[in-house]
Amino acid sequence: MTITAFLVNSFTAEGTGGNPAGVVLNADNLSDTEKLKIAKEVGFSETAFVAQDHEVDFAVSFFTTTEEVDFCGHATLAVFATFYEKGLLKPGYYTQRTKAGLLGVTIAEDGKITMEQALPKYLGGFSYSDLAGLLGLDETILAATGLPIDIITTGLPDIIVAVPNGYLDKMTIDEAAMSEFCQQHKVIGVHAFELLESESGLTASCRNFAPLVGIPEESATGSANGALACYLTKHVFVQQENHFQFEQGRAMGCRSHISTSVYSDEQGVRKVLVGGYASAIGTQKIEI
């Protein structure tokens, strides 16, 4: 059987950069073993598989080159951008079933895709010394931010860590130690960020590392930036409505832009949105 995978760059910045994902439509009859084989053949950090669902619009599963994960933001964006670009979906609101829950996705008239994420769960934190060695920075550098290191999930649990401006691109990652640390603490990876000046038009620049699931570094991460938006709402911009623009992939020479919004009330965060644009790369035929 020949499977067609659509190849898409998600979270592009003015049509360039982004993070590539694979998209396989009509995946109802594929086994998990076959999906993993396809994801390995595609070779991107994640490939999304779309199936029918009897209650909502689609069921979507996500595979890295090593395993299935509950959710992937940039692959979700790739799915709905593919539907839109192929004329299979019109602008509007849709619901996908994922292992992270039922999540809404909006396609705007200009093709921008905005996805709802699960409400944040705050799963604890770490000391500066716990993370310093993994990032190749002295703990006093991390401490200079005055910001905590938190584990937050809006679909996948990530460690959110602030670094002082100017240090983000200087980090050197110990992949083996980070994989062991993340496995021990049941998290996907580390999402590091530096806050930027407001005149840049960006809130923060980010780097994401998830070697445990076969991703040494990723140029755009939807789920982790949703978690970062919740982190900033809790610790930095404490208000009921926040809109952030994040840059990721700069250190990889592949800039990506991710827009996020967090809406809160007296009970806490009530909605998390992550959005951006995507560009088709091509297709890949895979024999299984």
C-alpha atoms as a PDB file:
ATOM      1  CA  MET A   1       0.000   0.000   0.000  1.00  0.00           C
ATOM      2  CA  THR A   2       1.252   3.470  -0.928  1.00  0.00           C
ATOM      3  CA  ILE A   3       0.616   6.274   1.548  1.00  0.00           C
ATOM      4  CA  THR A   4       0.848   9.954   0.645  1.00  0.00           C
ATOM      5  CA  ALA A   5       2.235  12.251   3.329  1.00  0.00           C
ATOM      6  CA  PHE A   6       1.748  15.967   2.850  1.00  0.00           C
ATOM      7  CA  LEU A   7       4.780  17.965   3.989  1.00  0.00           C
ATOM      8  CA  VAL A   8       4.083  21.334   5.594  1.00  0.00           C
ATOM      9  CA  ASN A   9       6.100  24.074   7.290  1.00  0.00           C
ATOM     10  CA  SER A  10       4.127  25.332  10.303  1.00  0.00           C
ATOM     11  CA  PHE A  11       4.406  28.665  12.110  1.00  0.00           C
ATOM     12  CA  THR A  12       6.201  30.332   9.238  1.00  0.00           C
ATOM     13  CA  ALA A  13       7.468  33.894   9.659  1.00  0.00           C
ATOM     14  CA  GLU A  14       6.437  35.990   6.643  1.00  0.00           C
ATOM     15  CA  GLY A  15       6.302  32.803   4.557  1.00  0.00           C
ATOM     16  CA  THR A  16       9.729  31.466   5.549  1.00  0.00           C
ATOM     17  CA  GLY A  17      11.152  29.314   8.321  1.00  0.00           C
ATOM     18  CA  GLY A  18       8.706  27.324  10.374  1.00  0.00           C
ATOM     19  CA  ASN A  19       8.775  23.754  11.610  1.00  0.00           C
ATOM     20  CA  PRO A  20       8.077  20.899   9.177  1.00  0.00           C
ATOM     21  CA  ALA A  21       5.423  18.297   9.907  1.00  0.00           C
ATOM     22  CA  GLY A  22       3.966  15.402   7.981  1.00  0.00           C
ATOM     23  CA  VAL A  23       0.223  15.005   7.454  1.00  0.00           C
ATOM     24  CA  VAL A  24      -1.499  11.771   6.463  1.00  0.00           C
ATOM     25  CA  LEU A  25      -5.200  12.021   5.635  1.00  0.00           C
ATOM     26  CA  ASN A  26      -7.674   9.101   5.614  1.00  0.00           C
ATOM     27  CA  ALA A  27      -5.571   7.226   8.175  1.00  0.00           C
ATOM     28  CA  ASP A  28      -8.518   5.248   9.632  1.00  0.00           C
ATOM     29  CA  ASN A  29      -7.127   1.819   8.734  1.00  0.00           C
ATOM     30  CA  LEU A  30      -3.508   2.406   9.694  1.00  0.00           C
ATOM     31  CA  SER A  31      -2.178   0.596  12.756  1.00  0.00           C
ATOM     32  CA  ASP A  32       0.049   2.326  15.290  1.00  0.00           C
ATOM     33  CA  THR A  33       2.972   0.261  13.989  1.00  0.00           C
ATOM     34  CA  GLU A  34       2.328   1.501  10.460  1.00  0.00           C
ATOM     35  CA  LYS A  35       1.953   5.089  11.650  1.00  0.00           C
ATOM     36  CA  LEU A  36       5.305   4.912  13.421  1.00  0.00           C
ATOM     37  CA  LYS A  37       6.925   3.471  10.300  1.00  0.00           C
ATOM     38  CA  ILE A  38       5.498   6.313   8.217  1.00  0.00           C
ATOM     39  CA  ALA A  39       6.629   8.912  10.767  1.00  0.00           C
ATOM     40  CA  LYS A  40      10.151   7.472  10.631  1.00  0.00           C
ATOM     41  CA  GLU A  41      10.120   7.587   6.832  1.00  0.00           C
ATOM     42  CA  VAL A  42       8.943  11.207   6.825  1.00  0.00           C
ATOM     43  CA  GLY A  43      11.652  11.963   9.378  1.00  0.00           C
ATOM     44  CA  PHE A  44      10.204  15.180  10.788  1.00  0.00           C
ATOM     45  CA  SER A  45       9.787  15.773  14.507  1.00  0.00           C
ATOM     46  CA  GLU A  46       6.080  14.887  14.220  1.00  0.00           C
ATOM     47  CA  THR A  47       3.647  13.468  11.690  1.00  0.00           C
ATOM     48  CA  ALA A  48      -0.124  13.782  12.178  1.00  0.00           C
ATOM     49  CA  PHE A  49      -2.628  11.114  11.135  1.00  0.00           C
ATOM     50  CA  VAL A  50      -6.231  12.140  10.487  1.00  0.00           C
ATOM     51  CA  ALA A  51      -9.167   9.743  10.845  1.00  0.00           C
ATOM     52  CA  GLN A  52     -12.939  10.012  10.908  1.00  0.00           C
ATOM     53  CA  ASP A  53     -14.752  10.550  14.173  1.00  0.00           C
ATOM     54  CA  HIS A  54     -18.416   9.884  14.893  1.00  0.00           C
ATOM     55  CA  GLU A  55     -18.840  12.772  17.370  1.00  0.00           C
ATOM     56  CA  VAL A  56     -16.506  15.558  16.259  1.00  0.00           C
ATOM     57  CA  ASP A  57     -14.966  16.603  12.946  1.00  0.00           C
ATOM     58  CA  PHE A  58     -11.769  14.555  13.061  1.00  0.00           C
ATOM     59  CA  ALA A  59      -9.638  12.311  15.218  1.00  0.00           C
ATOM     60  CA  VAL A  60      -5.947  13.172  15.011  1.00  0.00           C
ATOM     61  CA  SER A  61      -2.990  11.198  16.357  1.00  0.00           C
ATOM     62  CA  PHE A  62       0.615  12.352  16.477  1.00  0.00           C
ATOM     63  CA  PHE A  63       3.813  10.349  16.104  1.00  0.00           C
ATOM     64  CA  THR A  64       7.438  11.375  16.478  1.00  0.00           C
ATOM     65  CA  THR A  65      10.111   9.204  14.890  1.00  0.00           C
ATOM     66  CA  THR A  66      10.230   7.149  18.088  1.00  0.00           C
ATOM     67  CA  GLU A  67       6.734   7.082  19.629  1.00  0.00           C
ATOM     68  CA  GLU A  68       3.198   8.442  19.796  1.00  0.00           C
ATOM     69  CA  VAL A  69       2.607  11.657  21.743  1.00  0.00           C
ATOM     70  CA  ASP A  70      -0.699  12.998  23.041  1.00  0.00           C
ATOM     71  CA  PHE A  71      -0.658  16.272  21.138  1.00  0.00           C
ATOM     72  CA  CYS A  72       1.418  18.368  18.760  1.00  0.00           C
ATOM     73  CA  GLY A  73       0.666  21.998  18.029  1.00  0.00           C
ATOM     74  CA  HIS A  74       2.658  22.509  14.848  1.00  0.00           C
ATOM     75  CA  ALA A  75       1.371  19.246  13.373  1.00  0.00           C
ATOM     76  CA  THR A  76      -2.216  20.299  14.183  1.00  0.00           C
ATOM     77  CA  LEU A  77      -1.585  23.544  12.327  1.00  0.00           C
ATOM     78  CA  ALA A  78      -0.194  21.505   9.414  1.00  0.00           C
ATOM     79  CA  VAL A  79      -3.325  19.323   9.313  1.00  0.00           C
ATOM     80  CA  PHE A  80      -5.796  22.167   9.054  1.00  0.00           C
ATOM     81  CA  ALA A  81      -3.600  24.203   6.723  1.00  0.00           C
ATOM     82  CA  THR A  82      -3.525  21.171   4.414  1.00  0.00           C
ATOM     83  CA  PHE A  83      -7.311  20.833   4.531  1.00  0.00           C
ATOM     84  CA  TYR A  84      -7.666  24.543   3.756  1.00  0.00           C
ATOM     85  CA  GLU A  85      -5.052  24.601   0.989  1.00  0.00           C
ATOM     86  CA  LYS A  86      -6.637  21.559  -0.709  1.00  0.00           C
ATOM     87  CA  GLY A  87     -10.093  23.146  -0.557  1.00  0.00           C
ATOM     88  CA  LEU A  88     -11.350  20.375   1.739  1.00  0.00           C
ATOM     89  CA  LEU A  89     -12.333  22.782   4.527  1.00  0.00           C
ATOM     90  CA  LYS A  90     -13.647  26.329   4.395  1.00  0.00           C
ATOM     91  CA  PRO A  91     -12.833  29.021   6.956  1.00  0.00           C
ATOM     92  CA  GLY A  92     -14.652  28.208  10.174  1.00  0.00           C
ATOM     93  CA  TYR A  93     -14.506  26.387  13.489  1.00  0.00           C
ATOM     94  CA  TYR A  94     -13.753  22.658  13.798  1.00  0.00           C
ATOM     95  CA  THR A  95     -13.114  20.171  16.588  1.00  0.00           C
ATOM     96  CA  GLN A  96     -10.422  17.500  16.704  1.00  0.00           C
ATOM     97  CA  ARG A  97     -10.228  14.569  19.072  1.00  0.00           C
ATOM     98  CA  THR A  98      -6.724  14.057  20.463  1.00  0.00           C
ATOM     99  CA  LYS A  99      -5.283  12.135  23.372  1.00  0.00           C
ATOM    100  CA  ALA A 100      -5.017  15.540  25.094  1.00  0.00           C
ATOM    101  CA  GLY A 101      -8.797  15.981  24.758  1.00  0.00           C
ATOM    102  CA  LEU A 102     -11.307  17.565  22.383  1.00  0.00           C
ATOM    103  CA  LEU A 103      -9.724  20.737  21.023  1.00  0.00           C
ATOM    104  CA  GLY A 104     -11.173  23.406  18.755  1.00  0.00           C
ATOM    105  CA  VAL A 105      -9.411  24.764  15.680  1.00  0.00           C
ATOM    106  CA  THR A 106     -10.357  27.900  13.724  1.00  0.00           C
ATOM    107  CA  ILE A 107      -9.415  28.562  10.108  1.00  0.00           C
ATOM    108  CA  ALA A 108      -9.470  32.285   9.307  1.00  0.00           C
ATOM    109  CA  GLU A 109     -10.262  33.776   5.908  1.00  0.00           C
ATOM    110  CA  ASP A 110      -6.562  34.509   5.332  1.00  0.00           C
ATOM    111  CA  GLY A 111      -5.548  30.936   6.172  1.00  0.00           C
ATOM    112  CA  LYS A 112      -4.299  31.563   9.691  1.00  0.00           C
ATOM    113  CA  ILE A 113      -4.900  28.533  11.896  1.00  0.00           C
ATOM    114  CA  THR A 114      -5.678  29.042  15.587  1.00  0.00           C
ATOM    115  CA  MET A 115      -6.004  26.050  17.893  1.00  0.00           C
ATOM    116  CA  GLU A 116      -7.404  25.709  21.370  1.00  0.00           C
ATOM    117  CA  GLN A 117      -5.193  23.938  23.858  1.00  0.00           C
ATOM    118  CA  ALA A 118      -6.039  22.150  27.069  1.00  0.00           C
ATOM    119  CA  LEU A 119      -6.239  24.359  30.125  1.00  0.00           C
ATOM    120  CA  PRO A 120      -2.902  24.501  31.924  1.00  0.00           C
ATOM    121  CA  LYS A 121      -1.862  22.151  34.668  1.00  0.00           C
ATOM    122  CA  TYR A 122       1.001  23.278  36.900  1.00  0.00           C
ATOM    123  CA  LEU A 123       2.952  20.172  37.858  1.00  0.00           C
ATOM    124  CA  GLY A 124       5.689  21.492  40.111  1.00  0.00           C
ATOM    125  CA  GLY A 125       9.082  23.002  39.490  1.00  0.00           C
ATOM    126  CA  PHE A 126      12.836  22.769  39.816  1.00  0.00           C
ATOM    127  CA  SER A 127      15.741  24.694  41.266  1.00  0.00           C
ATOM    128  CA  TYR A 128      18.167  26.621  39.082  1.00  0.00           C
ATOM    129  CA  SER A 129      20.876  24.075  39.897  1.00  0.00           C
ATOM    130  CA  ASP A 130      18.671  21.252  38.578  1.00  0.00           C
ATOM    131  CA  LEU A 131      18.599  22.775  35.077  1.00  0.00           C
ATOM    132  CA  ALA A 132      21.901  24.663  34.855  1.00  0.00           C
ATOM    133  CA  GLY A 133      24.034  21.687  33.847  1.00  0.00           C
ATOM    134  CA  LEU A 134      21.512  20.466  31.283  1.00  0.00           C
ATOM    135  CA  LEU A 135      21.592  23.860  29.540  1.00  0.00           C
ATOM    136  CA  GLY A 136      25.301  24.532  29.854  1.00  0.00           C
ATOM    137  CA  LEU A 137      24.765  27.686  31.930  1.00  0.00           C
ATOM    138  CA  ASP A 138      25.821  28.550  35.452  1.00  0.00           C
ATOM    139  CA  GLU A 139      22.978  28.488  37.963  1.00  0.00           C
ATOM    140  CA  THR A 140      23.711  32.118  38.896  1.00  0.00           C
ATOM    141  CA  ILE A 141      22.840  33.077  35.308  1.00  0.00           C
ATOM    142  CA  LEU A 142      19.463  31.350  35.532  1.00  0.00           C
ATOM    143  CA  ALA A 143      18.869  32.867  38.976  1.00  0.00           C
ATOM    144  CA  ALA A 144      19.476  36.364  37.582  1.00  0.00           C
ATOM    145  CA  THR A 145      16.058  36.277  35.902  1.00  0.00           C
ATOM    146  CA  GLY A 146      14.287  36.016  39.255  1.00  0.00           C
ATOM    147  CA  LEU A 147      11.710  33.777  37.548  1.00  0.00           C
ATOM    148  CA  PRO A 148      10.862  30.235  38.663  1.00  0.00           C
ATOM    149  CA  ILE A 149      11.354  27.048  36.671  1.00  0.00           C
ATOM    150  CA  ASP A 150       7.956  25.391  36.252  1.00  0.00           C
ATOM    151  CA  ILE A 151       6.513  22.238  34.704  1.00  0.00           C
ATOM    152  CA  ILE A 152       3.377  23.193  32.785  1.00  0.00           C
ATOM    153  CA  THR A 153       1.202  21.255  30.370  1.00  0.00           C
ATOM    154  CA  THR A 154      -1.426  22.503  27.937  1.00  0.00           C
ATOM    155  CA  GLY A 155      -1.270  19.162  26.137  1.00  0.00           C
ATOM    156  CA  LEU A 156       2.266  17.959  26.821  1.00  0.00           C
ATOM    157  CA  PRO A 157       4.293  18.583  30.002  1.00  0.00           C
ATOM    158  CA  ASP A 158       7.289  20.857  29.433  1.00  0.00           C
ATOM    159  CA  ILE A 159       9.821  22.495  31.717  1.00  0.00           C
ATOM    160  CA  ILE A 160       9.579  26.267  31.237  1.00  0.00           C
ATOM    161  CA  VAL A 161      12.802  28.092  32.086  1.00  0.00           C
ATOM    162  CA  ALA A 162      13.744  31.753  31.641  1.00  0.00           C
ATOM    163  CA  VAL A 163      17.276  32.833  30.725  1.00  0.00           C
ATOM    164  CA  PRO A 164      18.639  36.396  30.779  1.00  0.00           C
ATOM    165  CA  ASN A 165      18.627  38.282  27.502  1.00  0.00           C
ATOM    166  CA  GLY A 166      21.697  37.375  25.445  1.00  0.00           C
ATOM    167  CA  TYR A 167      22.143  33.871  26.835  1.00  0.00           C
ATOM    168  CA  LEU A 168      19.514  31.937  24.872  1.00  0.00           C
ATOM    169  CA  ASP A 169      21.745  31.209  21.870  1.00  0.00           C
ATOM    170  CA  LYS A 170      24.730  30.443  24.112  1.00  0.00           C
ATOM    171  CA  MET A 171      23.184  27.364  25.693  1.00  0.00           C
ATOM    172  CA  THR A 172      24.877  24.019  25.026  1.00  0.00           C
ATOM    173  CA  ILE A 173      22.619  21.047  25.639  1.00  0.00           C
ATOM    174  CA  ASP A 174      23.640  17.764  27.208  1.00  0.00           C
ATOM    175  CA  GLU A 175      21.169  15.600  25.261  1.00  0.00           C
ATOM    176  CA  ALA A 176      21.847  12.355  27.120  1.00  0.00           C
ATOM    177  CA  ALA A 177      21.511  13.975  30.539  1.00  0.00           C
ATOM    178  CA  MET A 178      18.422  15.906  29.449  1.00  0.00           C
ATOM    179  CA  SER A 179      16.749  12.748  28.137  1.00  0.00           C
ATOM    180  CA  GLU A 180      17.440  10.947  31.398  1.00  0.00           C
ATOM    181  CA  PHE A 181      16.204  13.914  33.440  1.00  0.00           C
ATOM    182  CA  CYS A 182      12.993  14.256  31.405  1.00  0.00           C
ATOM    183  CA  GLN A 183      12.297  10.534  31.582  1.00  0.00           C
ATOM    184  CA  GLN A 184      12.820  10.566  35.343  1.00  0.00           C
ATOM    185  CA  HIS A 185      10.409  13.475  35.806  1.00  0.00           C
ATOM    186  CA  LYS A 186       7.861  12.388  33.152  1.00  0.00           C
ATOM    187  CA  VAL A 187       8.135  15.480  30.977  1.00  0.00           C
ATOM    188  CA  ILE A 188       8.601  15.851  27.219  1.00  0.00           C
ATOM    189  CA  GLY A 189      11.387  18.414  27.202  1.00  0.00           C
ATOM    190  CA  VAL A 190      12.667  21.876  28.094  1.00  0.00           C
ATOM    191  CA  HIS A 191      11.309  25.133  26.688  1.00  0.00           C
ATOM    192  CA  ALA A 192      13.725  27.985  27.366  1.00  0.00           C
ATOM    193  CA  PHE A 193      12.968  31.637  26.620  1.00  0.00           C
ATOM    194  CA  GLU A 194      14.338  35.157  26.887  1.00  0.00           C
ATOM    195  CA  LEU A 195      12.032  38.169  27.129  1.00  0.00           C
ATOM    196  CA  LEU A 196      12.483  40.808  24.415  1.00  0.00           C
ATOM    197  CA  GLU A 197      12.019  44.564  24.303  1.00  0.00           C
ATOM    198  CA  SER A 198       8.504  45.639  23.318  1.00  0.00           C
ATOM    199  CA  GLU A 199       9.735  47.585  20.282  1.00  0.00           C
ATOM    200  CA  SER A 200      10.803  44.283  18.698  1.00  0.00           C
ATOM    201  CA  GLY A 201       7.148  43.358  18.220  1.00  0.00           C
ATOM    202  CA  LEU A 202       7.866  40.045  19.928  1.00  0.00           C
ATOM    203  CA  THR A 203       7.295  39.019  23.521  1.00  0.00           C
ATOM    204  CA  ALA A 204      10.043  36.408  23.742  1.00  0.00           C
ATOM    205  CA  SER A 205      12.461  34.294  21.777  1.00  0.00           C
ATOM    206  CA  CYS A 206      12.410  30.572  22.580  1.00  0.00           C
ATOM    207  CA  ARG A 207      14.295  27.317  22.157  1.00  0.00           C
ATOM    208  CA  ASN A 208      12.768  23.868  22.663  1.00  0.00           C
ATOM    209  CA  PHE A 209      14.649  20.641  23.378  1.00  0.00           C
ATOM    210  CA  ALA A 210      13.044  17.190  23.538  1.00  0.00           C
ATOM    211  CA  PRO A 211      15.775  14.613  22.855  1.00  0.00           C
ATOM    212  CA  LEU A 212      13.823  12.036  24.896  1.00  0.00           C
ATOM    213  CA  VAL A 213      11.304  11.746  22.024  1.00  0.00           C
ATOM    214  CA  GLY A 214      13.868  12.089  19.239  1.00  0.00           C
ATOM    215  CA  ILE A 215      13.849  15.898  18.916  1.00  0.00           C
ATOM    216  CA  PRO A 216      17.294  17.430  19.703  1.00  0.00           C
ATOM    217  CA  GLU A 217      15.863  20.906  19.012  1.00  0.00           C
ATOM    218  CA  GLU A 218      12.654  22.130  17.407  1.00  0.00           C
ATOM    219  CA  SER A 219      12.131  25.349  15.472  1.00  0.00           C
ATOM    220  CA  ALA A 220       8.447  25.852  16.455  1.00  0.00           C
ATOM    221  CA  THR A 221       6.506  24.152  19.238  1.00  0.00           C
ATOM    222  CA  GLY A 222       2.809  24.887  19.585  1.00  0.00           C
ATOM    223  CA  SER A 223       2.129  23.050  22.832  1.00  0.00           C
ATOM    224  CA  ALA A 224       5.175  24.404  24.680  1.00  0.00           C
ATOM    225  CA  ASN A 225       4.411  27.975  23.643  1.00  0.00           C
ATOM    226  CA  GLY A 226       0.876  27.542  24.952  1.00  0.00           C
ATOM    227  CA  ALA A 227       2.440  26.510  28.247  1.00  0.00           C
ATOM    228  CA  LEU A 228       4.821  29.491  28.081  1.00  0.00           C
ATOM    229  CA  ALA A 229       1.896  31.862  27.552  1.00  0.00           C
ATOM    230  CA  CYS A 230       0.285  30.492  30.726  1.00  0.00           C
ATOM    231  CA  TYR A 231       3.614  30.803  32.576  1.00  0.00           C
ATOM    232  CA  LEU A 232       3.955  34.470  31.572  1.00  0.00           C
ATOM    233  CA  THR A 233       0.347  35.136  32.543  1.00  0.00           C
ATOM    234  CA  LYS A 234       1.027  33.661  35.978  1.00  0.00           C
ATOM    235  CA  HIS A 235       4.417  35.216  36.700  1.00  0.00           C
ATOM    236  CA  VAL A 236       5.010  38.284  34.493  1.00  0.00           C
ATOM    237  CA  PHE A 237       1.904  39.739  32.816  1.00  0.00           C
ATOM    238  CA  VAL A 238      -0.727  39.152  35.474  1.00  0.00           C
ATOM    239  CA  GLN A 239      -3.967  40.225  33.802  1.00  0.00           C
ATOM    240  CA  GLN A 240      -7.132  38.622  32.480  1.00  0.00           C
ATOM    241  CA  GLU A 241      -6.325  38.853  28.770  1.00  0.00           C
ATOM    242  CA  ASN A 242      -2.877  38.465  27.246  1.00  0.00           C
ATOM    243  CA  HIS A 243      -1.710  38.272  23.639  1.00  0.00           C
ATOM    244  CA  PHE A 244       1.871  37.192  22.980  1.00  0.00           C
ATOM    245  CA  GLN A 245       4.086  36.855  19.914  1.00  0.00           C
ATOM    246  CA  PHE A 246       6.882  34.322  20.224  1.00  0.00           C
ATOM    247  CA  GLU A 247       9.880  33.683  18.011  1.00  0.00           C
ATOM    248  CA  GLN A 248      11.492  30.251  17.889  1.00  0.00           C
ATOM    249  CA  GLY A 249      14.203  28.631  15.766  1.00  0.00           C
ATOM    250  CA  ARG A 250      16.559  31.613  15.598  1.00  0.00           C
ATOM    251  CA  ALA A 251      19.537  29.561  16.791  1.00  0.00           C
ATOM    252  CA  MET A 252      18.726  26.965  14.113  1.00  0.00           C
ATOM    253  CA  GLY A 253      18.627  29.550  11.312  1.00  0.00           C
ATOM    254  CA  CYS A 254      14.922  28.789  10.878  1.00  0.00           C
ATOM    255  CA  ARG A 255      12.850  31.552  12.460  1.00  0.00           C
ATOM    256  CA  SER A 256       9.242  30.803  13.269  1.00  0.00           C
ATOM    257  CA  HIS A 257       6.447  32.980  14.664  1.00  0.00           C
ATOM    258  CA  ILE A 258       3.831  31.674  17.075  1.00  0.00           C
ATOM    259  CA  SER A 259       0.945  33.830  18.308  1.00  0.00           C
ATOM    260  CA  THR A 260      -0.730  32.957  21.610  1.00  0.00           C
ATOM    261  CA  SER A 261      -3.616  34.286  23.683  1.00  0.00           C
ATOM    262  CA  VAL A 262      -4.579  33.502  27.268  1.00  0.00           C
ATOM    263  CA  TYR A 263      -7.951  34.451  28.746  1.00  0.00           C
ATOM    264  CA  SER A 264      -8.424  34.272  32.506  1.00  0.00           C
ATOM    265  CA  ASP A 265     -10.953  35.115  35.190  1.00  0.00           C
ATOM    266  CA  GLU A 266     -11.034  34.924  38.987  1.00  0.00           C
ATOM    267  CA  GLN A 267     -10.961  31.115  38.828  1.00  0.00           C
ATOM    268  CA  GLY A 268      -7.864  31.006  36.629  1.00  0.00           C
ATOM    269  CA  VAL A 269      -7.098  30.437  32.938  1.00  0.00           C
ATOM    270  CA  ARG A 270     -10.236  29.644  30.938  1.00  0.00           C
ATOM    271  CA  LYS A 271      -8.896  29.569  27.379  1.00  0.00           C
ATOM    272  CA  VAL A 272      -5.516  29.086  25.688  1.00  0.00           C
ATOM    273  CA  LEU A 273      -5.128  29.769  21.962  1.00  0.00           C
ATOM    274  CA  VAL A 274      -2.073  29.185  19.772  1.00  0.00           C
ATOM    275  CA  GLY A 275      -1.949  30.177  16.124  1.00  0.00           C
ATOM    276  CA  GLY A 276       0.087  30.872  13.038  1.00  0.00           C
ATOM    277  CA  TYR A 277       0.507  30.329   9.328  1.00  0.00           C
ATOM    278  CA  ALA A 278       1.797  27.382   7.324  1.00  0.00           C
ATOM    279  CA  SER A 279       3.238  26.732   3.871  1.00  0.00           C
ATOM    280  CA  ALA A 280       3.073  23.501   1.864  1.00  0.00           C
ATOM    281  CA  ILE A 281       6.460  21.950   1.020  1.00  0.00           C
ATOM    282  CA  GLY A 282       5.372  18.995  -1.121  1.00  0.00           C
ATOM    283  CA  THR A 283       4.416  15.361  -0.750  1.00  0.00           C
ATOM    284  CA  GLN A 284       6.157  12.078  -0.022  1.00  0.00           C
ATOM    285  CA  LYS A 285       5.053   8.596  -1.135  1.00  0.00           C
ATOM    286  CA  ILE A 286       5.672   5.825   1.384  1.00  0.00           C
ATOM    287  CA  GLU A 287       5.237   2.073   0.871  1.00  0.00           C
ATOM    288  CA  ILE A 288       3.957   0.073   3.827  1.00  0.00           C
END
